[in-house]
Each structure stands twice: as structure tokens, then as C-alpha cells.
């Protein structure tokens, strides 16, 4: 999906002013008066960033942040806070929000923070896609190739792997080459780094 800015603020004048500014800067913007409207629309598949007022009807920004994460929505979050809401905004940042903007904020600051949030979202999306690619490639390994790969993850030499699995060193070398080829990596170091980034093998060496 194309990236979008999701703005939630119960003040109509804020929604209109911020929506207009972001729209004139070339961004696609969706505006909502309250959390329930946003939660009914946004999904984990959406890309972009969330611009949320800390003080909202139904629930505060911290609770909305929690609900979004529980729903699998991991876009970067920027909070809008009034002077009295700064402690809450700081807690939101400590809980994983990217940043907060104190009202009244100037246009350039808003645009700079939004651009940074969108860049972070793109990086996150690329990372998730890369992990998904490795997970798919792992599924193409034969059981024996996976065994060899798992010994490689532990840093074992070919002769040790051969002894452990009851095969010749030459056979291990063939399997190693196939593992690297199927995973689309250039060497064992790159293989270890990418494989250990997946959900399947994240805790392999712990």
C-alpha cells in the first residue's frame, strides 16, 4: 500500500489546518475525530505514520498507542501535546513513540518530523520484507541442508559437521554451497546475520 499520514485529533480546526498543510506538501492524509474511527480503518498492512493527539475522547494517547501495537499496527507514531500533556507525551515516547510536538508547533517542524517518520517507516518495511524473503528461502532448504546450516550457525568447521552428521567433508562442502546459494548470500557471515534476524532462528544461539 502507498504511504499515508493518519491524523487523529478531536479538534476540527486542528484536523483541517494540519490536514491542509500536509496535503499542500504533497502527502496523502486521513483525518479522524477519535480513536475508534482510526482503529476501525487502519490495519498492519498500511504504510505511513500516525499523528495522534495525546488527549482524545474515549481513551488517551498512551492507551491508543497500546491498542494499535496490539493490533499489529507498527507505523511510527508522532504525538501532539499541549503544555500540560508533555509528561504523558514523554511516557508515550518511552513506550515506543517516535517523538512529540508541543502545541503550538510551526509548519516546518511538523513537516520535518513527518518526513523523518515516513523515512523510518520505509526502512522498517524494507527490513520486514528482507526477513520475509529469508524465511521463504529457508523453506526451500532440504532437511539435510537445514541440518548443515544449523551447524554453520554454531560456527562449526566442515570436519566437525561431517563427524556430527556422519558424512564426508566433501558432502558437507556441497551442502554448504547449496545453503548459501538458496539463501542468496555471499558467505557464511552474511548467512548467519540474516538467518538470525528471522523469527525462526532469532533465539538460536541464546
Protein backbone atom coordinates (compact mmCIF):
# COMPACT_ATOMS: atom_id res chain seq x y z
CA UNK A 1 0.00 0.00 0.00
CA UNK A 2 1.11 3.59 -0.59
CA UNK A 3 2.18 5.59 2.45
CA UNK A 4 -0.30 7.80 4.22
CA UNK A 5 -0.48 10.06 7.25
CA UNK A 6 -3.16 9.13 9.78
CA UNK A 7 -4.16 12.16 11.85
CA UNK A 8 -6.34 11.83 14.95
CA UNK A 9 -7.44 14.97 16.81
CA UNK A 10 -10.81 15.80 18.34
CA UNK A 11 -10.42 19.50 17.45
CA UNK A 12 -11.82 20.12 13.99
CA UNK A 13 -9.72 23.25 13.39
CA UNK A 14 -6.54 21.28 14.12
CA UNK A 15 -7.57 18.49 11.75
CA UNK A 16 -8.34 20.98 9.00
CA UNK A 17 -5.19 23.09 9.46
CA UNK A 18 -2.77 20.16 9.77
CA UNK A 19 -4.53 18.21 7.03
CA UNK A 20 -4.31 21.20 4.70
CA UNK A 21 -0.61 21.79 5.45
CA UNK A 22 0.32 18.16 4.86
CA UNK A 23 -1.84 17.98 1.75
CA UNK A 24 -0.19 21.05 0.21
CA UNK A 25 3.18 19.43 0.94
CA UNK A 26 2.14 16.51 -1.24
CA UNK A 27 1.17 13.99 1.42
CA UNK A 28 -1.92 11.80 1.43
CA UNK A 29 -3.76 12.41 4.72
CA UNK A 30 -6.63 10.65 6.50
CA UNK A 31 -8.19 12.54 9.42
CA UNK A 32 -10.23 11.17 12.33
CA UNK A 33 -12.02 12.82 15.24
CA UNK A 34 -11.48 9.92 17.64
CA UNK A 35 -9.59 6.68 18.30
CA UNK A 36 -12.42 4.28 17.44
CA UNK A 37 -12.66 5.70 13.91
CA UNK A 38 -8.93 5.15 13.38
CA UNK A 39 -8.96 1.64 14.86
CA UNK A 40 -11.80 0.67 12.53
CA UNK A 41 -9.80 1.74 9.47
CA UNK A 42 -6.09 1.15 9.96
CA UNK A 43 -4.51 -2.30 9.52
CA UNK A 44 -0.99 -3.77 9.79
CA UNK A 45 -0.75 -3.62 6.00
CA UNK A 46 -0.97 0.18 5.91
CA UNK A 47 2.20 2.23 5.49
CA UNK A 48 2.96 5.75 6.61
CA UNK A 49 2.88 7.38 10.05
CA UNK A 50 0.40 8.18 12.80
CA UNK A 51 -0.06 11.72 14.08
CA UNK A 52 -2.06 11.47 17.31
CA UNK A 53 -3.27 13.97 19.86
CA UNK A 54 -2.38 12.88 23.40
CA UNK A 55 -5.77 13.98 24.77
CA UNK A 56 -8.53 12.19 22.91
CA UNK A 57 -12.12 11.14 23.61
CA UNK A 58 -12.67 7.51 24.66
CA UNK A 59 -9.01 6.88 25.56
CA UNK A 60 -5.76 8.79 25.93
CA UNK A 61 -2.86 8.60 23.54
CA UNK A 62 -0.98 6.01 25.58
CA UNK A 63 -3.92 3.61 25.53
CA UNK A 64 -4.44 4.18 21.81
CA UNK A 65 -0.73 3.52 21.23
CA UNK A 66 -1.08 0.21 23.10
CA UNK A 67 -4.22 -0.76 21.16
CA UNK A 68 -2.50 -0.05 17.84
CA UNK A 69 0.52 -2.17 18.73
CA UNK A 70 -1.71 -4.99 19.93
CA UNK A 71 -3.48 -4.85 16.55
CA UNK A 72 -0.12 -5.21 14.77
CA UNK A 73 -0.03 -1.61 13.51
CA UNK A 74 3.64 -0.65 13.79
CA UNK A 75 3.84 2.61 11.87
CA UNK A 76 5.89 5.35 13.60
CA UNK A 77 3.81 7.49 15.95
CA UNK A 78 4.15 11.25 16.48
CA UNK A 79 2.14 12.71 19.34
CA UNK A 80 0.67 16.20 19.50
CA UNK A 81 0.60 17.56 23.06
CA UNK A 82 -0.50 20.70 24.85
CA UNK A 83 1.83 22.13 27.50
CA UNK A 84 0.10 20.23 30.30
CA UNK A 85 0.26 16.98 28.35
CA UNK A 86 4.04 16.86 27.93
CA UNK A 87 4.65 14.32 30.74
CA UNK A 88 2.17 11.97 29.05
CA UNK A 89 3.82 12.55 25.67
CA UNK A 90 7.22 11.75 27.19
CA UNK A 91 5.82 8.49 28.58
CA UNK A 92 4.48 7.69 25.11
CA UNK A 93 7.94 8.22 23.59
CA UNK A 94 9.44 5.99 26.28
CA UNK A 95 6.85 3.38 25.29
CA UNK A 96 7.95 3.47 21.67
CA UNK A 97 6.51 6.58 20.01
CA UNK A 98 8.95 8.36 17.71
CA UNK A 99 8.52 11.90 19.04
CA UNK A 100 6.02 14.54 20.12
CA UNK A 101 5.14 18.04 19.00
CA UNK A 102 4.09 20.64 21.55
CA UNK A 103 1.25 22.96 20.58
CA UNK A 104 1.52 25.43 19.01
CA UNK A 105 4.07 23.96 16.60
CA UNK A 106 5.38 25.63 13.46
CA UNK A 107 4.83 24.24 9.99
CA UNK A 108 8.47 23.46 9.26
CA UNK A 109 8.87 21.46 12.46
CA UNK A 110 5.79 19.40 11.67
CA UNK A 111 6.91 18.70 8.11
CA UNK A 112 10.44 17.77 9.24
CA UNK A 113 9.14 15.32 11.88
CA UNK A 114 6.65 13.76 9.47
CA UNK A 115 9.34 13.31 6.79
CA UNK A 116 11.57 11.59 9.35
CA UNK A 117 8.71 9.32 10.48
CA UNK A 118 7.91 8.31 6.91
CA UNK A 119 11.58 7.54 6.20
CA UNK A 120 11.69 5.34 9.30
CA UNK A 121 8.54 3.54 8.17
CA UNK A 122 10.12 2.82 4.78
CA UNK A 123 13.20 1.41 6.48
CA UNK A 124 11.03 -0.76 8.72
CA UNK A 125 9.05 -2.02 5.73
CA UNK A 126 12.25 -2.91 3.87
CA UNK A 127 13.56 -4.76 6.93
CA UNK A 128 10.34 -6.75 7.30
CA UNK A 129 10.39 -7.61 3.59
CA UNK A 130 14.01 -8.76 3.82
CA UNK A 131 13.22 -11.03 6.77
CA UNK A 132 10.22 -12.44 4.93
CA UNK A 133 12.44 -13.20 1.94
CA UNK A 134 14.91 -15.14 4.10
CA UNK A 135 12.06 -17.04 5.79
CA UNK A 136 10.79 -18.10 2.35
CA UNK A 137 14.27 -19.12 1.27
CA UNK A 138 14.71 -21.20 4.43
CA UNK A 139 11.62 -23.12 3.37
CA UNK A 140 13.43 -24.19 0.20
CA UNK A 141 16.22 -25.98 2.07
CA UNK A 142 16.15 -29.76 2.23
CA UNK A 143 16.17 -31.32 5.74
CA UNK A 144 19.86 -32.21 5.32
CA UNK A 145 20.76 -28.71 4.10
CA UNK A 146 18.97 -27.25 7.12
CA UNK A 147 20.95 -29.52 9.43
CA UNK A 148 24.20 -28.37 7.87
CA UNK A 149 23.08 -24.74 8.07
CA UNK A 150 22.26 -25.07 11.77
CA UNK A 151 25.74 -26.45 12.43
CA UNK A 152 27.11 -23.50 10.45
CA UNK A 153 25.17 -21.13 12.70
CA UNK A 154 27.11 -22.59 15.62
CA UNK A 155 30.39 -21.81 13.86
CA UNK A 156 31.46 -25.42 13.40
CA UNK A 157 34.18 -26.36 10.92
CA UNK A 158 33.39 -28.67 7.99
CA UNK A 159 35.19 -31.63 9.53
CA UNK A 160 33.20 -31.25 12.78
CA UNK A 161 29.92 -31.01 10.87
CA UNK A 162 30.90 -34.10 8.86
CA UNK A 163 31.60 -36.07 12.04
CA UNK A 164 28.38 -34.90 13.72
CA UNK A 165 26.20 -35.78 10.74
CA UNK A 166 28.04 -38.90 9.58
CA UNK A 167 29.03 -37.66 6.12
CA UNK A 168 32.19 -36.82 4.25
CA UNK A 169 33.79 -33.38 4.38
CA UNK A 170 33.22 -33.08 0.62
CA UNK A 171 29.50 -33.69 1.08
CA UNK A 172 29.39 -31.02 3.75
CA UNK A 173 31.10 -28.60 1.37
CA UNK A 174 28.47 -29.32 -1.30
CA UNK A 175 25.64 -28.74 1.19
CA UNK A 176 27.25 -25.51 2.45
CA UNK A 177 27.46 -24.19 -1.11
CA UNK A 178 23.81 -25.03 -1.75
CA UNK A 179 22.72 -23.39 1.51
CA UNK A 180 24.49 -20.15 0.58
CA UNK A 181 23.06 -20.25 -2.93
CA UNK A 182 19.48 -20.93 -1.81
CA UNK A 183 19.62 -18.21 0.82
CA UNK A 184 21.04 -15.73 -1.68
CA UNK A 185 24.06 -14.81 0.45
CA UNK A 186 27.73 -14.44 -0.43
CA UNK A 187 29.36 -16.02 2.61
CA UNK A 188 28.75 -17.66 5.97
CA UNK A 189 28.92 -14.38 7.90
CA UNK A 190 26.13 -12.87 5.82
CA UNK A 191 24.13 -16.09 6.19
CA UNK A 192 24.44 -16.03 9.98
CA UNK A 193 23.41 -12.38 10.20
CA UNK A 194 20.34 -12.81 8.01
CA UNK A 195 19.18 -16.15 9.38
CA UNK A 196 19.46 -14.97 13.00
CA UNK A 197 17.26 -11.97 12.15
CA UNK A 198 14.30 -14.27 11.41
CA UNK A 199 11.63 -15.24 13.91
CA UNK A 200 12.54 -18.91 13.48
CA UNK A 201 16.20 -18.55 14.45
CA UNK A 202 16.27 -15.32 16.49
CA UNK A 203 16.94 -17.18 19.74
CA UNK A 204 19.01 -19.98 18.21
CA UNK A 205 22.27 -19.11 19.99
CA UNK A 206 20.75 -17.88 23.26
